[in-house]
Amino acid sequence: MISIQKYDERFWPDICMIHDAARKIELKYASLTDAFLSLEKIADAEGLFDYTHVDLALIGGRAVGFCAYSAEELAWLYIAPEHMRKGIGHKLVSHALD
């Protein structure tokens, strides 16, 4: 079962792994693999935690996806590749819209 909760810093290593793996796939399809930067390097500069909400999708207490958003913008949405196409992104987006 997928649960959504607010970001907690103990999940930092998890969201780094999620972002980095999913971002590599995203950039591969855009033919921009050389543009990859790890979340650890860009989180502050890209303002990840400047958003009103940073939420996690959890399965069995393990982070499998995350999103960051405000009332005006859904800015970040990443799902662990092994959990893609299982409705996790949809659940995060629905939660953000609510």
C-alpha atoms as a PDB file:
ATOM      1  CA  MET A   1       0.000   0.000   0.000  1.00  0.00           C
ATOM      2  CA  ILE A   2       1.237   3.479  -0.886  1.00  0.00           C
ATOM      3  CA  SER A   3       1.155   6.123   1.822  1.00  0.00           C
ATOM      4  CA  ILE A   4       2.023   9.812   1.467  1.00  0.00           C
ATOM      5  CA  GLN A   5       3.763  11.795   4.172  1.00  0.00           C
ATOM      6  CA  LYS A   6       5.682  15.031   4.544  1.00  0.00           C
ATOM      7  CA  TYR A   7       9.418  14.837   3.902  1.00  0.00           C
ATOM      8  CA  ASP A   8      11.526  13.859   6.876  1.00  0.00           C
ATOM      9  CA  GLU A   9      15.302  14.349   6.694  1.00  0.00           C
ATOM     10  CA  ARG A  10      15.962  10.723   7.603  1.00  0.00           C
ATOM     11  CA  PHE A  11      14.784   9.941   4.044  1.00  0.00           C
ATOM     12  CA  TRP A  12      17.462  12.161   2.437  1.00  0.00           C
ATOM     13  CA  PRO A  13      19.600   9.206   1.246  1.00  0.00           C
ATOM     14  CA  ASP A  14      16.488   7.595  -0.236  1.00  0.00           C
ATOM     15  CA  ILE A  15      15.364  10.638  -2.206  1.00  0.00           C
ATOM     16  CA  CYS A  16      18.917  11.114  -3.480  1.00  0.00           C
ATOM     17  CA  MET A  17      18.899   7.563  -4.854  1.00  0.00           C
ATOM     18  CA  ILE A  18      15.395   8.003  -6.283  1.00  0.00           C
ATOM     19  CA  HIS A  19      16.219  11.303  -7.978  1.00  0.00           C
ATOM     20  CA  ASP A  20      19.563  10.214  -9.360  1.00  0.00           C
ATOM     21  CA  ALA A  21      18.291   6.951 -10.858  1.00  0.00           C
ATOM     22  CA  ALA A  22      15.130   8.496 -12.329  1.00  0.00           C
ATOM     23  CA  ARG A  23      16.916  11.625 -13.578  1.00  0.00           C
ATOM     24  CA  LYS A  24      19.405   9.504 -15.538  1.00  0.00           C
ATOM     25  CA  ILE A  25      16.479   7.847 -17.337  1.00  0.00           C
ATOM     26  CA  GLU A  26      14.845  11.230 -18.004  1.00  0.00           C
ATOM     27  CA  LEU A  27      18.052  12.649 -19.459  1.00  0.00           C
ATOM     28  CA  LYS A  28      18.731   9.524 -21.533  1.00  0.00           C
ATOM     29  CA  TYR A  29      15.402   9.961 -23.359  1.00  0.00           C
ATOM     30  CA  ALA A  30      16.212  13.631 -23.963  1.00  0.00           C
ATOM     31  CA  SER A  31      19.706  12.718 -25.263  1.00  0.00           C
ATOM     32  CA  LEU A  32      21.208  14.840 -22.492  1.00  0.00           C
ATOM     33  CA  THR A  33      23.037  12.260 -20.378  1.00  0.00           C
ATOM     34  CA  ASP A  34      26.024  14.592 -19.960  1.00  0.00           C
ATOM     35  CA  ALA A  35      23.771  17.081 -18.139  1.00  0.00           C
ATOM     36  CA  PHE A  36      23.302  14.795 -15.113  1.00  0.00           C
ATOM     37  CA  LEU A  37      23.970  16.269 -11.677  1.00  0.00           C
ATOM     38  CA  SER A  38      23.191  14.428  -8.458  1.00  0.00           C
ATOM     39  CA  LEU A  39      20.505  15.657  -6.107  1.00  0.00           C
ATOM     40  CA  GLU A  40      23.144  16.157  -3.460  1.00  0.00           C
ATOM     41  CA  LYS A  41      24.808  18.731  -5.732  1.00  0.00           C
ATOM     42  CA  ILE A  42      21.691  20.558  -6.941  1.00  0.00           C
ATOM     43  CA  ALA A  43      19.036  20.413  -4.204  1.00  0.00           C
ATOM     44  CA  ASP A  44      19.963  23.765  -2.683  1.00  0.00           C
ATOM     45  CA  ALA A  45      20.712  25.583  -5.938  1.00  0.00           C
ATOM     46  CA  GLU A  46      17.492  24.303  -7.548  1.00  0.00           C
ATOM     47  CA  GLY A  47      15.439  25.168  -4.454  1.00  0.00           C
ATOM     48  CA  LEU A  48      14.010  21.745  -3.673  1.00  0.00           C
ATOM     49  CA  PHE A  49      13.232  22.718  -0.098  1.00  0.00           C
ATOM     50  CA  ASP A  50      12.007  26.204  -1.014  1.00  0.00           C
ATOM     51  CA  TYR A  51       8.661  24.703  -2.007  1.00  0.00           C
ATOM     52  CA  THR A  52       5.758  24.785   0.436  1.00  0.00           C
ATOM     53  CA  HIS A  53       5.444  21.017   0.299  1.00  0.00           C
ATOM     54  CA  VAL A  54       7.903  18.191  -0.169  1.00  0.00           C
ATOM     55  CA  ASP A  55       6.077  14.887   0.139  1.00  0.00           C
ATOM     56  CA  LEU A  56       7.175  11.273   0.051  1.00  0.00           C
ATOM     57  CA  ALA A  57       5.468   8.184  -1.288  1.00  0.00           C
ATOM     58  CA  LEU A  58       6.179   5.244   0.987  1.00  0.00           C
ATOM     59  CA  ILE A  59       5.656   1.525   0.595  1.00  0.00           C
ATOM     60  CA  GLY A  60       6.299  -0.495   3.710  1.00  0.00           C
ATOM     61  CA  GLY A  61       7.984   2.501   5.337  1.00  0.00           C
ATOM     62  CA  ARG A  62      10.458   2.855   2.461  1.00  0.00           C
ATOM     63  CA  ALA A  63      10.525   5.967   0.247  1.00  0.00           C
ATOM     64  CA  VAL A  64       9.810   5.072  -3.391  1.00  0.00           C
ATOM     65  CA  GLY A  65       9.024   8.529  -4.765  1.00  0.00           C
ATOM     66  CA  PHE A  66       8.784  12.205  -3.907  1.00  0.00           C
ATOM     67  CA  CYS A  67       7.354  15.471  -5.127  1.00  0.00           C
ATOM     68  CA  ALA A  68       7.807  19.147  -4.305  1.00  0.00           C
ATOM     69  CA  TYR A  69       5.116  21.712  -4.998  1.00  0.00           C
ATOM     70  CA  SER A  70       3.398  24.940  -4.073  1.00  0.00           C
ATOM     71  CA  ALA A  71      -0.123  26.174  -4.735  1.00  0.00           C
ATOM     72  CA  GLU A  72       1.071  27.400  -8.139  1.00  0.00           C
ATOM     73  CA  GLU A  73       3.472  24.702  -9.311  1.00  0.00           C
ATOM     74  CA  LEU A  74       4.306  21.016  -9.219  1.00  0.00           C
ATOM     75  CA  ALA A  75       8.057  21.350  -9.573  1.00  0.00           C
ATOM     76  CA  TRP A  76       9.618  17.987  -8.728  1.00  0.00           C
ATOM     77  CA  LEU A  77       8.240  14.495  -9.244  1.00  0.00           C
ATOM     78  CA  TYR A  78      10.517  11.474  -9.158  1.00  0.00           C
ATOM     79  CA  ILE A  79       9.766   7.787  -8.712  1.00  0.00           C
ATOM     80  CA  ALA A  80      12.312   5.026  -8.109  1.00  0.00           C
ATOM     81  CA  PRO A  81      12.715   3.205 -11.446  1.00  0.00           C
ATOM     82  CA  GLU A  82      11.807  -0.184  -9.958  1.00  0.00           C
ATOM     83  CA  HIS A  83       8.488   1.330  -8.818  1.00  0.00           C
ATOM     84  CA  MET A  84       7.577   3.245 -11.982  1.00  0.00           C
ATOM     85  CA  ARG A  85       4.244   2.530 -13.691  1.00  0.00           C
ATOM     86  CA  LYS A  86       2.605   1.370 -10.462  1.00  0.00           C
ATOM     87  CA  GLY A  87       0.446   4.436  -9.753  1.00  0.00           C
ATOM     88  CA  ILE A  88       2.865   6.130  -7.357  1.00  0.00           C
ATOM     89  CA  GLY A  89       3.294   9.268  -9.469  1.00  0.00           C
ATOM     90  CA  HIS A  90      -0.473   9.467  -9.906  1.00  0.00           C
ATOM     91  CA  LYS A  91      -0.979   9.202  -6.151  1.00  0.00           C
ATOM     92  CA  LEU A  92       1.599  11.942  -5.462  1.00  0.00           C
ATOM     93  CA  VAL A  93       0.066  14.268  -8.068  1.00  0.00           C
ATOM     94  CA  SER A  94      -3.471  13.633  -6.771  1.00  0.00           C
ATOM     95  CA  HIS A  95      -2.278  14.372  -3.246  1.00  0.00           C
ATOM     96  CA  ALA A  96      -0.636  17.618  -4.408  1.00  0.00           C
ATOM     97  CA  LEU A  97      -3.798  18.699  -6.236  1.00  0.00           C
ATOM     98  CA  ASP A  98      -5.947  18.061  -3.168  1.00  0.00           C
END
